[in-house]
Each structure stands twice: as structure tokens, then as C-alpha cells.
Amino acid sequence: MNKRKAIPSHGQPAETILAQMKEMKSGDPNWADGRTWSLVYHVDDEHRALMQKTAQLFISESYANPFAVESIQRMELGLIGMTANLLNGEGSATGTVTSGGTESILLALYAYREWAHSSRTGKKKNEIVAPATIHPAFEKAAHLLGLKVRKAPVDHLSRARIEEMEKLITEKTLLLAVSAPSYPHGTLDPVEAASELAQQYKLPLHVDACIGGFFLPWVEQLSPGSIPPWDFRLPGVTSISADTHKFGYGAKGSSVLLFRSMDYLRHQFFITTDWAGGIYASATLLGSRSAIPIATAWAAMHSLGQEGYLGITRNILDGCARLRLGIEALPELAILGEPCMNILAFTTRQNKPDIFVIADFLEEKGWVVDRQHRPNSIHLTVMQHNLPAIEPYLKDLQEAIAYARNNPDAKARGNAALYGLMARIPLRSMVANNVRQLFEQLYGAETAKSESPSGASSQQMPNPPSWMGWLNRLLSGWRK
């Protein structure tokens, strides 16, 4: 039986370690060439250097006690204040900096649960009403907190149908939630109507602006009236999550969770006085918090300023317009919904030709492709580093369509086969079980034993089982 790799008996020189890491990294997507349409939020080399220097300055600091490290406390409060100002939360709006959008959403749900349960009549409230496009982080948080997400159908533009959300409101409803925008198609939910519904039923309303919170305000300034109100200007909005590690351009991972008032935020805090080590208190989910995400987000805002954010947003929107025009010029393709910023998804009309065959072709051309389902589609988030790659992408996209059209019997392979299969299997528990098995293989003891300098090779990394491709082809034929 093979043993797991142990900590080296003797330390290695820094040069050796860095060389090993660079070799591991060599197989990762090269986002700088513009062929990766998600995950990386890059400004320029100068900004990247500032982030690195800021991280180096605070590499050793722990923010476990917000009263012990004054510099980080000042920066966290500064981030909260600047974000509240940006999202029109002047006055009583307050919040915390978290480790990312998922933690922000989890803490919002936790605070609302504790707020409701603090009253005798609110202890039965355990349901969140949201559109079907709401981020899975809500389901993850609900699972951890013993809550339930009730999803309402969306309209033909992928926007929340408020009248359908209203049908799901009961005496068990804890809060309403909508997106600004939803990640799959970049569509802004009708937050104004949701605000009115929340006020009518005296319910809290959370706006998930993790992706749009630091982008939509600049879109509004560049094109006044192009986006309806979605933030604290609406009286029914009681909380907003906005990720500073996305279009705030700070380092991963940081997000700001804002509440309209301390009436809600105070229920987020955890305090115990019975520990032998003294009083233990935490404002967020994490105990020990790295100072780096807070410091880099603060540095990013002060470095870019409003002028910088507006300039970046203008450049991205110009590039996004070029991309949309190019996609719309292709008769086989259709953009889904009404994208309100730099996120969009497209598919083929009646899935002819197969969008995942097109995705396969693009991957063979070196593009990193994000696939979606319901409906099957390709997702794009346009960033500054993507701008020089827009025309080459459109050229390869035309070739991909021609290939798929001329090869109607072609079937999706690899990742596309997995996504296509998942979209076709009616038993969702079967899908979940197989994804769980992939995670078990990835994090299992056998995989953890190996750590070659070249990273986890294709032989070591778990792949979808071969039967998935077979079943995918079978279901493709059956659907036709």
C-alpha cells in the first residue's frame, strides 16, 4: 500500500520551490492571452504590481480580532463606507467584509434567520423565495442553515417573475431574494417590483449583486437611465452583497455584505463568553481572517478611483458591444435574455447545430469554454484582457458553426458530453451522485498521495466515467 507523501525531511531552496510551482502552473489556462472568459478580473500590469506589493505588506497579519489591528480595521470600515456610498446606502447602511460572495449570502441568510427567530412569531420562518436563476450559493447556505429555497419560474428573458414569486409566499417565508444580475445570462431581475412585493408582505429583500455590485453603478453613470434602480434607492431592499474581488479588482477573496441598518446586521455577530480563553466574538463566518483581501480591495479603490472604474467599464462595454454585434450577425446563434452588463450567453436556435459540438471545436482552437444548460449555451464574461481576442474568437466561432453544420451527426465529447448529459437526465439525484463521486475521487486519499512537480496529470485527475459518453449519445438519439 502506497503511503501519502510526507512533509519533506529537509527544506528546499526558494528557487527550487518556485520552479516546481511554475511547472505545476504551466498546464493552467493562460488567461493573459484573452482566451479565458471568466474567473480572472485583471486591470493591467501596474495594478497587478500594486496588489502584489499590498499583499506583501500584510502577509503576516491576522484579522482575528478587529480591535487588535487598527490598520485593517480602518480599511475594512473604509471599504464598507465606500461600498455603501456607491450603492446609495447613505445614512444607516452598514455591513462587513467577507471572504467572498458565498459567505456574504450565507451570512445574510443567517442574520435574517436569527432576526426572525428572535421573535416568538418568527420561529417557523425558514423559506427563501427566489427566481430559478438565483445563485446556488443560496441553496448551499440554506442547506447549512436548515432553511429551504423555493424557486419561482422566470420569464422568456430569464428575469424573475414577481407574480410567480408572490404565489410562493407563505407564513414560513423568511425573505425574498433576486439578482443584479443573474450570472448565467447577465439579466437584471425586476428589483423594483420585488421591493414593492417585499414591502407589501413586510419581508426582507436581499439583492445578490456579487457580480454586478461594482459594475452596474458605472454602467448607470455612463448611460443614465439604461438600468432601472436596483440598490438601496428602493425602500424594500434590506441587504446587498457585492464582491470586491470581482469588478472591485481586489485580490481573491473579498466581498462586502451591506444591510440597510444595524437592526439586521447585529444578528450576524457571534459571541460566547464561556470559553476558558476568554470572550470569543466574530463578526463574520471566519475566525482568523487574512488581512490581504481587505487591504488589496482598499488599495484598488484608492488607486483606480471613480475615474479609473469608469474608464475600465467603458472599455469593457465597448468590447462587449463588438462581441454582441458579431454574435448577432450569425444567423444560427441567439443571445439569451437581455444582458445588462458584460455578461452574456448564447445558444443555437432549436439547438441546431448542437451548441456543445461548437463548444468542443472552440476548445480545440485553444479557447476556455464555459458551458451551461437550461438551455444549453456558452457563457462569456468580457474583461479587459479579453478585448484583443474578440475578433479572433468571432472568426473561430464562425468556423465552429460551419463544422457543426456540416457534420450534423457529430456528438459532444469530453466536458461538453458531461454537460450535455447532465442537461438530459431527468433524475437530478443521479446527476448529483455522479458529481459527488468526482469530488470524492479528487479529494480522496489516493489522489492526495501524489504530488509530482508537473501537477496532477491527466492520469491522476478524475475524469467523467466512460458510460456518461455512451449514455449521452443514446439520449441524444432518443431526443431526436
Protein backbone atom coordinates (compact mmCIF):
# COMPACT_ATOMS: atom_id res chain seq x y z
CA MET A 1 0.00 0.00 0.00
CA ASN A 2 1.42 3.37 -1.02
CA LYS A 3 1.93 5.93 1.69
CA ARG A 4 0.88 9.53 1.37
CA LYS A 5 3.62 11.99 0.59
CA ALA A 6 5.14 13.34 3.79
CA ILE A 7 6.41 16.81 4.54
CA PRO A 8 10.00 16.92 3.21
CA SER A 9 12.60 16.00 5.83
CA HIS A 10 14.72 18.96 4.81
CA GLY A 11 13.67 22.27 3.40
CA GLN A 12 14.28 23.14 -0.23
CA PRO A 13 15.76 26.36 -1.64
CA ALA A 14 13.28 29.04 -2.64
CA GLU A 15 14.43 28.80 -6.26
CA THR A 16 13.59 25.08 -6.36
CA ILE A 17 10.16 25.59 -4.83
CA LEU A 18 9.29 28.43 -7.19
CA ALA A 19 10.46 26.40 -10.17
CA GLN A 20 8.23 23.50 -9.11
CA MET A 21 5.23 25.77 -8.73
CA LYS A 22 5.85 27.38 -12.11
CA GLU A 23 5.99 23.92 -13.67
CA MET A 24 2.71 22.98 -11.99
CA LYS A 25 1.18 26.20 -13.23
CA SER A 26 2.35 25.66 -16.79
CA GLY A 27 -0.66 23.46 -17.51
CA ASP A 28 -3.18 26.06 -16.33
CA PRO A 29 -5.09 28.22 -18.83
CA ASN A 30 -3.10 31.27 -19.90
CA TRP A 31 -5.75 33.88 -19.13
CA ALA A 32 -3.46 36.71 -20.27
CA ASP A 33 -3.94 35.72 -23.93
CA GLY A 34 -7.64 36.60 -23.64
CA ARG A 35 -8.91 33.08 -24.34
CA THR A 36 -10.39 32.61 -20.86
CA TRP A 37 -13.78 34.31 -20.45
CA SER A 38 -14.21 34.06 -16.69
CA LEU A 39 -12.50 33.67 -13.30
CA VAL A 40 -9.80 36.35 -13.72
CA TYR A 41 -10.51 40.08 -13.16
CA HIS A 42 -7.38 41.78 -14.46
CA VAL A 43 -6.83 45.52 -14.91
CA ASP A 44 -3.23 45.89 -16.09
CA ASP A 45 0.32 45.07 -15.01
CA GLU A 46 0.63 48.24 -12.92
CA HIS A 47 -2.49 47.38 -10.93
CA ARG A 48 -1.32 43.80 -10.52
CA ALA A 49 2.01 45.04 -9.13
CA LEU A 50 0.17 47.20 -6.59
CA MET A 51 -1.87 44.18 -5.48
CA GLN A 52 1.32 42.14 -5.05
CA LYS A 53 3.06 44.86 -3.03
CA THR A 54 -0.02 45.33 -0.84
CA ALA A 55 -0.24 41.59 -0.20
CA GLN A 56 3.44 41.50 0.72
CA LEU A 57 2.92 44.34 3.19
CA PHE A 58 0.19 42.43 5.06
CA ILE A 59 1.31 38.83 4.52
CA SER A 60 1.71 38.10 8.25
CA GLU A 61 -1.24 39.97 9.75
CA SER A 62 -4.22 38.05 11.12
CA TYR A 63 -7.51 39.89 11.46
CA ALA A 64 -9.00 37.53 14.05
CA ASN A 65 -9.64 40.42 16.42
CA PRO A 66 -10.90 43.57 14.64
CA PHE A 67 -9.87 45.67 17.63
CA ALA A 68 -6.26 44.46 17.64
CA VAL A 69 -5.06 45.53 14.18
CA GLU A 70 -6.08 49.14 13.72
CA SER A 71 -4.86 49.48 10.13
CA ILE A 72 -7.02 46.62 8.84
CA GLN A 73 -9.98 47.79 10.91
CA ARG A 74 -9.73 51.22 9.31
CA MET A 75 -9.52 49.69 5.84
CA GLU A 76 -12.48 47.37 6.44
CA LEU A 77 -14.61 50.26 7.66
CA GLY A 78 -13.42 52.31 4.70
CA LEU A 79 -14.48 49.56 2.28
CA ILE A 80 -17.89 49.34 3.92
CA GLY A 81 -18.35 53.10 3.72
CA MET A 82 -17.24 53.42 0.10
CA THR A 83 -19.45 50.50 -0.95
CA ALA A 84 -22.45 51.91 0.91
CA ASN A 85 -21.91 55.24 -0.84
CA LEU A 86 -21.65 53.55 -4.24
CA LEU A 87 -24.86 51.57 -3.67
CA ASN A 88 -26.83 54.55 -2.35
CA GLY A 89 -26.85 53.31 1.21
CA GLU A 90 -26.05 56.62 2.84
CA GLY A 91 -27.29 57.02 6.38
CA SER A 92 -27.78 53.87 8.40
CA ALA A 93 -26.45 51.28 5.90
CA THR A 94 -23.64 49.19 7.35
CA GLY A 95 -22.05 45.79 6.96
CA THR A 96 -18.92 43.66 6.97
CA VAL A 97 -16.22 42.47 4.59
CA THR A 98 -16.38 38.71 3.97
CA SER A 99 -14.26 36.14 2.14
CA GLY A 100 -16.46 36.11 -0.97
CA GLY A 101 -19.96 36.08 -2.37
CA THR A 102 -20.89 32.71 -0.89
CA GLU A 103 -20.02 33.83 2.63
CA SER A 104 -21.88 37.11 2.11
CA ILE A 105 -25.01 35.22 1.07
CA LEU A 106 -24.66 32.70 3.89
CA LEU A 107 -24.28 35.46 6.48
CA ALA A 108 -27.25 37.38 5.07
CA LEU A 109 -29.45 34.30 5.42
CA TYR A 110 -28.05 33.60 8.87
CA ALA A 111 -28.73 37.15 10.05
CA TYR A 112 -32.29 37.05 8.73
CA ARG A 113 -32.91 33.67 10.35
CA GLU A 114 -31.65 34.91 13.71
CA TRP A 115 -33.61 38.16 13.30
CA ALA A 116 -36.84 36.25 12.63
CA HIS A 117 -36.24 33.68 15.36
CA SER A 118 -35.63 36.42 17.91
CA SER A 119 -39.38 36.96 17.98
CA ARG A 120 -41.88 34.34 19.10
CA THR A 121 -43.88 34.60 15.89
CA GLY A 122 -40.88 34.23 13.58
CA LYS A 123 -39.53 30.86 14.67
CA LYS A 124 -41.38 28.99 11.89
CA LYS A 125 -39.93 31.16 9.14
CA ASN A 126 -37.45 29.04 7.20
CA GLU A 127 -38.07 29.61 3.47
CA ILE A 128 -36.39 31.85 0.92
CA VAL A 129 -38.42 32.77 -2.17
CA ALA A 130 -36.26 33.46 -5.23
CA PRO A 131 -36.26 33.07 -9.02
CA ALA A 132 -34.97 29.86 -10.61
CA THR A 133 -31.83 31.71 -11.76
CA ILE A 134 -30.71 32.61 -8.23
CA HIS A 135 -27.11 31.61 -7.47
CA PRO A 136 -26.55 28.11 -6.00
CA ALA A 137 -24.87 29.77 -3.01
CA PHE A 138 -28.39 30.36 -1.67
CA GLU A 139 -29.10 26.63 -1.75
CA LYS A 140 -25.73 25.89 -0.17
CA ALA A 141 -26.38 28.39 2.62
CA ALA A 142 -29.93 27.13 3.11
CA HIS A 143 -28.64 23.56 3.38
CA LEU A 144 -26.13 24.58 6.06
CA LEU A 145 -28.66 26.68 7.99
CA GLY A 146 -31.63 24.32 7.86
CA LEU A 147 -33.57 26.57 5.51
CA LYS A 148 -35.30 25.94 2.18
CA VAL A 149 -35.16 27.79 -1.14
CA ARG A 150 -38.44 27.92 -3.06
CA LYS A 151 -37.80 28.84 -6.69
CA ALA A 152 -40.21 30.65 -8.98
CA PRO A 153 -40.05 30.34 -12.78
CA VAL A 154 -38.50 33.14 -14.83
CA ASP A 155 -39.83 34.83 -17.96
CA HIS A 156 -38.61 34.39 -21.54
CA LEU A 157 -35.80 36.88 -20.86
CA SER A 158 -34.60 34.93 -17.79
CA ARG A 159 -35.91 37.60 -15.40
CA ALA A 160 -37.70 36.85 -12.15
CA ARG A 161 -41.48 36.70 -12.49
CA ILE A 162 -42.61 38.60 -9.43
CA GLU A 163 -46.19 37.34 -9.66
CA GLU A 164 -44.85 33.76 -9.51
CA MET A 165 -42.68 34.63 -6.51
CA GLU A 166 -45.74 36.03 -4.76
CA LYS A 167 -47.53 32.69 -5.16
CA LEU A 168 -44.79 31.03 -3.11
CA ILE A 169 -45.04 33.41 -0.14
CA THR A 170 -46.48 31.76 2.98
CA GLU A 171 -46.30 32.22 6.73
CA LYS A 172 -42.99 30.32 6.54
CA THR A 173 -41.33 32.84 4.22
CA LEU A 174 -38.20 34.33 5.77
CA LEU A 175 -37.08 36.62 2.93
CA LEU A 176 -37.12 37.31 -0.80
CA ALA A 177 -34.01 37.30 -2.99
CA VAL A 178 -33.25 38.49 -6.54
CA SER A 179 -30.14 39.01 -8.68
CA ALA A 180 -28.43 42.10 -10.08
CA PRO A 181 -27.71 40.49 -12.44
CA SER A 182 -28.07 36.69 -12.54
CA TYR A 183 -24.81 35.02 -13.52
CA PRO A 184 -25.97 32.59 -16.24
CA HIS A 185 -27.33 35.19 -18.70
CA GLY A 186 -26.40 38.56 -17.19
CA THR A 187 -30.05 39.54 -16.83
CA LEU A 188 -31.20 42.04 -14.21
CA ASP A 189 -34.20 40.90 -12.20
CA PRO A 190 -37.05 43.43 -11.72
CA VAL A 191 -35.76 44.57 -8.35
CA GLU A 192 -38.18 47.49 -8.14
CA ALA A 193 -41.19 45.15 -8.33
CA ALA A 194 -39.52 42.80 -5.84
CA SER A 195 -39.02 45.75 -3.49
CA GLU A 196 -42.72 46.57 -3.65
CA LEU A 197 -43.60 42.92 -3.01
CA ALA A 198 -41.27 42.79 0.00
CA GLN A 199 -42.86 45.91 1.46
CA GLN A 200 -46.36 44.58 0.83
CA TYR A 201 -45.64 41.41 2.81
CA LYS A 202 -43.26 43.07 5.30
CA LEU A 203 -40.39 40.78 4.29
CA PRO A 204 -36.66 41.45 3.93
CA LEU A 205 -35.26 41.55 0.38
CA HIS A 206 -31.68 40.57 -0.45
CA VAL A 207 -30.17 41.67 -3.76
CA ASP A 208 -27.37 39.38 -4.92
CA ALA A 209 -25.09 41.85 -6.70
CA CYS A 210 -21.94 39.81 -6.17
CA ILE A 211 -21.10 40.05 -9.87
CA GLY A 212 -22.75 43.40 -10.63
CA GLY A 213 -22.27 45.45 -7.48
CA PHE A 214 -19.04 47.08 -8.67
CA PHE A 215 -20.01 47.24 -12.35
CA LEU A 216 -23.63 48.34 -12.65
CA PRO A 217 -23.11 51.70 -10.89
CA TRP A 218 -20.57 52.68 -13.57
CA VAL A 219 -22.90 51.47 -16.33
CA GLU A 220 -25.56 53.78 -14.93
CA GLN A 221 -23.16 56.73 -14.92
CA LEU A 222 -22.01 56.05 -18.47
CA SER A 223 -25.55 55.54 -19.76
CA PRO A 224 -28.07 57.28 -17.46
CA GLY A 225 -31.47 55.64 -17.46
CA SER A 226 -30.24 52.43 -19.10
CA ILE A 227 -30.72 50.41 -15.92
CA PRO A 228 -33.67 50.71 -13.52
CA PRO A 229 -32.92 51.23 -9.81
CA TRP A 230 -31.80 48.05 -8.05
CA ASP A 231 -29.95 49.11 -4.89
CA PHE A 232 -30.76 50.94 -1.63
CA ARG A 233 -32.65 53.60 -3.57
CA LEU A 234 -35.51 51.11 -3.38
CA PRO A 235 -37.05 51.15 0.11
CA GLY A 236 -37.79 47.42 0.14
CA VAL A 237 -34.14 46.41 -0.37
CA THR A 238 -32.73 45.45 3.03
CA SER A 239 -29.35 43.94 2.06
CA ILE A 240 -26.93 43.70 -0.87
CA SER A 241 -23.87 41.53 -1.47
CA ALA A 242 -21.16 42.87 -3.80
CA ASP A 243 -17.81 41.20 -4.45
CA THR A 244 -14.75 43.41 -4.27
CA HIS A 245 -12.65 40.58 -5.72
CA LYS A 246 -14.57 40.74 -8.99
CA PHE A 247 -15.10 44.18 -10.54
CA GLY A 248 -13.75 45.93 -7.46
CA TYR A 249 -10.45 44.45 -8.72
CA GLY A 250 -9.10 43.42 -5.32
CA ALA A 251 -7.36 40.11 -4.68
CA LYS A 252 -9.36 36.94 -4.02
CA GLY A 253 -11.33 36.59 -1.87
CA SER A 254 -13.28 39.54 -0.59
CA SER A 255 -16.87 40.70 -0.71
CA VAL A 256 -18.92 43.34 1.05
CA LEU A 257 -22.24 42.48 2.68
CA LEU A 258 -24.37 45.54 3.42
CA PHE A 259 -27.58 45.80 5.43
CA ARG A 260 -29.89 48.78 5.40
CA SER A 261 -29.45 49.12 9.15
CA MET A 262 -27.89 47.60 12.25
CA ASP A 263 -31.32 46.11 13.05
CA TYR A 264 -30.36 43.21 10.78
CA LEU A 265 -26.56 43.22 10.97
CA ARG A 266 -26.44 42.75 14.75
CA HIS A 267 -27.95 39.29 14.30
CA GLN A 268 -24.92 38.27 12.21
CA PHE A 269 -22.47 38.60 15.11
CA PHE A 270 -21.46 35.53 17.14
CA ILE A 271 -20.39 36.00 20.76
CA THR A 272 -19.69 33.49 23.52
CA THR A 273 -18.40 34.29 27.00
CA ASP A 274 -17.92 30.79 28.46
CA TRP A 275 -14.65 29.78 26.79
CA ALA A 276 -11.60 29.28 29.02
CA GLY A 277 -9.65 31.54 26.68
CA GLY A 278 -11.95 34.46 27.40
CA ILE A 279 -14.64 36.17 25.36
CA TYR A 280 -14.84 34.92 21.76
CA ALA A 281 -16.57 37.13 19.23
CA SER A 282 -16.63 37.20 15.43
CA ALA A 283 -18.43 39.47 13.01
CA THR A 284 -18.23 37.06 10.06
CA LEU A 285 -18.08 33.32 9.50
CA LEU A 286 -14.29 33.07 9.65
CA GLY A 287 -12.37 33.28 12.90
CA SER A 288 -8.87 34.12 11.70
CA ARG A 289 -9.16 36.37 8.65
CA SER A 290 -6.38 37.22 6.25
CA ALA A 291 -5.66 40.93 6.03
CA ILE A 292 -4.65 40.65 2.36
CA PRO A 293 -8.12 40.62 0.71
CA ILE A 294 -9.23 43.64 2.73
CA ALA A 295 -6.01 45.57 2.11
CA THR A 296 -5.92 44.88 -1.64
CA ALA A 297 -9.58 45.83 -2.10
CA TRP A 298 -8.97 49.08 -0.21
CA ALA A 299 -5.84 49.75 -2.28
CA ALA A 300 -7.69 49.01 -5.53
CA MET A 301 -10.43 51.54 -4.78
CA HIS A 302 -7.98 54.25 -3.84
CA SER A 303 -5.72 53.51 -6.81
CA LEU A 304 -8.39 53.37 -9.51
CA GLY A 305 -10.79 55.97 -8.15
CA GLN A 306 -14.12 56.65 -9.81
CA GLU A 307 -12.37 57.87 -12.95
CA GLY A 308 -10.45 54.61 -13.26
CA TYR A 309 -13.50 52.42 -12.75
CA LEU A 310 -15.44 54.41 -15.32
CA GLY A 311 -12.63 54.10 -17.86
CA ILE A 312 -12.32 50.34 -17.41
CA THR A 313 -16.08 49.88 -17.62
CA ARG A 314 -16.26 52.00 -20.78
CA ASN A 315 -13.55 49.90 -22.44
CA ILE A 316 -15.24 46.63 -21.47
CA LEU A 317 -18.68 47.76 -22.63
CA ASP A 318 -17.26 48.88 -25.98
CA GLY A 319 -15.66 45.47 -26.44
CA CYS A 320 -18.81 43.71 -25.30
CA ALA A 321 -20.82 45.63 -27.91
CA ARG A 322 -18.41 44.42 -30.62
CA LEU A 323 -18.78 40.86 -29.41
CA ARG A 324 -22.58 41.05 -29.30
CA LEU A 325 -22.77 42.50 -32.79
CA GLY A 326 -20.55 39.72 -34.07
CA ILE A 327 -22.65 37.01 -32.45
CA GLU A 328 -25.94 38.57 -33.54
CA ALA A 329 -24.66 38.67 -37.14
CA LEU A 330 -24.50 34.87 -37.17
CA PRO A 331 -27.99 33.60 -38.11
CA GLU A 332 -27.57 30.28 -36.29
CA LEU A 333 -26.98 31.96 -32.92
CA ALA A 334 -29.20 33.74 -30.40
CA ILE A 335 -28.19 35.68 -27.29
CA LEU A 336 -30.20 34.65 -24.24
CA GLY A 337 -32.18 37.17 -22.23
CA GLU A 338 -31.35 40.87 -22.07
CA PRO A 339 -27.76 41.21 -20.77
CA CYS A 340 -27.37 44.42 -18.77
CA MET A 341 -23.58 44.48 -18.44
CA ASN A 342 -20.61 42.47 -19.70
CA ILE A 343 -22.05 39.00 -19.10
CA LEU A 344 -23.84 37.16 -21.87
CA ALA A 345 -24.73 33.67 -23.03
CA PHE A 346 -25.59 32.43 -26.49
CA THR A 347 -27.02 29.27 -27.99
CA THR A 348 -28.09 27.91 -31.36
CA ARG A 349 -31.69 28.21 -32.49
CA GLN A 350 -33.52 24.96 -31.63
CA ASN A 351 -30.03 23.66 -30.76
CA LYS A 352 -29.28 23.21 -34.47
CA PRO A 353 -26.41 22.72 -34.80
CA ASP A 354 -25.51 21.35 -31.35
CA ILE A 355 -24.06 24.19 -29.25
CA PHE A 356 -21.83 21.74 -27.38
CA VAL A 357 -20.28 20.49 -30.63
CA ILE A 358 -19.45 24.15 -31.28
CA ALA A 359 -18.00 24.35 -27.76
CA ASP A 360 -15.79 21.32 -28.46
CA PHE A 361 -14.47 22.93 -31.65
CA LEU A 362 -13.66 26.16 -29.82
CA GLU A 363 -11.79 24.25 -27.14
CA GLU A 364 -9.71 22.52 -29.79
CA LYS A 365 -8.82 26.02 -31.02
CA GLY A 366 -7.47 26.86 -27.56
CA TRP A 367 -10.44 28.69 -26.03
CA VAL A 368 -11.58 28.03 -22.46
CA VAL A 369 -15.32 27.42 -22.81
CA ASP A 370 -17.90 27.77 -20.02
CA ARG A 371 -20.92 25.60 -20.81
CA GLN A 372 -24.38 26.00 -19.34
CA HIS A 373 -27.72 24.23 -19.59
CA ARG A 374 -31.42 25.11 -19.31
CA PRO A 375 -30.98 25.94 -22.13
CA ASN A 376 -27.69 24.55 -23.39
CA SER A 377 -25.46 27.56 -24.03
CA ILE A 378 -21.98 29.08 -23.93
CA HIS A 379 -21.27 31.71 -21.28
CA LEU A 380 -18.96 34.72 -21.67
CA THR A 381 -17.83 37.35 -19.18
CA VAL A 382 -15.91 40.04 -21.05
CA MET A 383 -12.92 41.51 -19.23
CA GLN A 384 -10.20 43.95 -20.29
CA HIS A 385 -7.75 41.19 -21.15
CA ASN A 386 -10.36 39.64 -23.50
CA LEU A 387 -10.66 42.74 -25.69
CA PRO A 388 -7.81 41.95 -28.14
CA ALA A 389 -9.19 38.41 -28.54
CA ILE A 390 -12.75 39.34 -29.59
CA GLU A 391 -12.18 39.29 -33.36
CA PRO A 392 -10.17 36.02 -33.29
CA TYR A 393 -12.94 34.49 -31.17
CA LEU A 394 -15.64 35.51 -33.65
CA LYS A 395 -13.57 34.09 -36.51
CA ASP A 396 -13.17 30.74 -34.75
CA LEU A 397 -16.84 30.80 -33.78
CA GLN A 398 -17.80 31.07 -37.45
CA GLU A 399 -15.57 28.10 -38.24
CA ALA A 400 -17.09 26.14 -35.35
CA ILE A 401 -20.62 26.75 -36.63
CA ALA A 402 -19.63 25.69 -40.14
CA TYR A 403 -18.08 22.49 -38.79
CA ALA A 404 -21.13 21.64 -36.67
CA ARG A 405 -23.49 22.44 -39.55
CA ASN A 406 -21.52 20.28 -41.99
CA ASN A 407 -21.28 17.41 -39.51
CA PRO A 408 -24.85 17.02 -38.17
CA ASP A 409 -24.08 13.60 -36.66
CA ALA A 410 -21.20 14.94 -34.57
CA LYS A 411 -21.65 14.39 -30.83
CA ALA A 412 -20.28 16.43 -27.97
CA ARG A 413 -17.19 14.99 -26.30
CA GLY A 414 -15.33 15.46 -23.04
CA ASN A 415 -16.64 18.28 -20.86
CA ALA A 416 -19.39 19.01 -23.34
CA ALA A 417 -20.59 15.42 -23.12
CA LEU A 418 -20.77 15.73 -19.36
CA TYR A 419 -22.73 18.99 -19.51
CA GLY A 420 -24.99 17.74 -22.28
CA LEU A 421 -25.71 14.55 -20.42
CA MET A 422 -26.49 16.38 -17.21
CA ALA A 423 -28.99 18.52 -19.10
CA ARG A 424 -30.78 15.45 -20.46
CA ILE A 425 -31.01 13.14 -17.45
CA PRO A 426 -34.41 13.65 -15.78
CA LEU A 427 -33.27 12.14 -12.44
CA ARG A 428 -31.36 15.01 -10.84
CA SER A 429 -30.31 12.83 -7.88
CA MET A 430 -28.39 10.67 -10.38
CA VAL A 431 -26.54 13.75 -11.60
CA ALA A 432 -25.73 14.87 -8.05
CA ASN A 433 -24.45 11.43 -7.06
CA ASN A 434 -22.07 11.27 -10.01
CA VAL A 435 -20.72 14.76 -9.42
CA ARG A 436 -20.24 13.82 -5.76
CA GLN A 437 -18.23 10.77 -6.86
CA LEU A 438 -15.97 13.01 -8.97
CA PHE A 439 -15.30 15.18 -5.90
CA GLU A 440 -14.64 12.09 -3.79
CA GLN A 441 -12.06 10.97 -6.34
CA LEU A 442 -10.49 14.43 -6.50
CA TYR A 443 -10.13 14.84 -2.72
CA GLY A 444 -9.71 11.16 -1.86
CA ALA A 445 -6.62 9.71 -0.20
CA GLU A 446 -5.38 8.03 -3.38
CA THR A 447 -5.27 11.33 -5.30
CA ALA A 448 -3.70 13.14 -2.34
CA LYS A 449 -0.75 10.72 -2.30
CA SER A 450 0.71 12.12 -5.50
CA GLU A 451 2.33 15.48 -5.93
CA SER A 452 4.55 15.49 -8.97
CA PRO A 453 6.19 18.79 -9.95
CA SER A 454 4.16 18.82 -13.12
CA GLY A 455 0.96 18.92 -11.08
CA ALA A 456 -1.82 16.39 -11.12
CA SER A 457 -1.51 14.80 -14.51
CA SER A 458 -4.43 13.71 -16.64
CA GLN A 459 -3.81 10.16 -15.41
CA GLN A 460 -4.11 11.27 -11.80
CA MET A 461 -7.07 13.60 -12.13
CA PRO A 462 -10.55 12.03 -12.08
CA ASN A 463 -12.50 12.17 -15.32
CA PRO A 464 -16.19 11.58 -16.00
CA PRO A 465 -16.81 7.81 -16.32
CA SER A 466 -16.88 6.39 -19.84
CA TRP A 467 -20.51 5.34 -19.55
CA MET A 468 -21.52 9.01 -19.48
CA GLY A 469 -20.42 9.48 -23.08
CA TRP A 470 -22.30 6.34 -24.13
CA LEU A 471 -25.48 7.44 -22.35
CA ASN A 472 -25.11 10.94 -23.79
CA ARG A 473 -25.11 9.55 -27.34
CA LEU A 474 -28.08 7.31 -26.55
CA LEU A 475 -30.13 10.16 -25.10
CA SER A 476 -29.17 12.44 -27.99
CA GLY A 477 -30.62 9.95 -30.45
CA TRP A 478 -33.68 9.36 -28.29
CA ARG A 479 -34.46 13.08 -28.07
CA LYS A 480 -34.30 13.41 -31.85
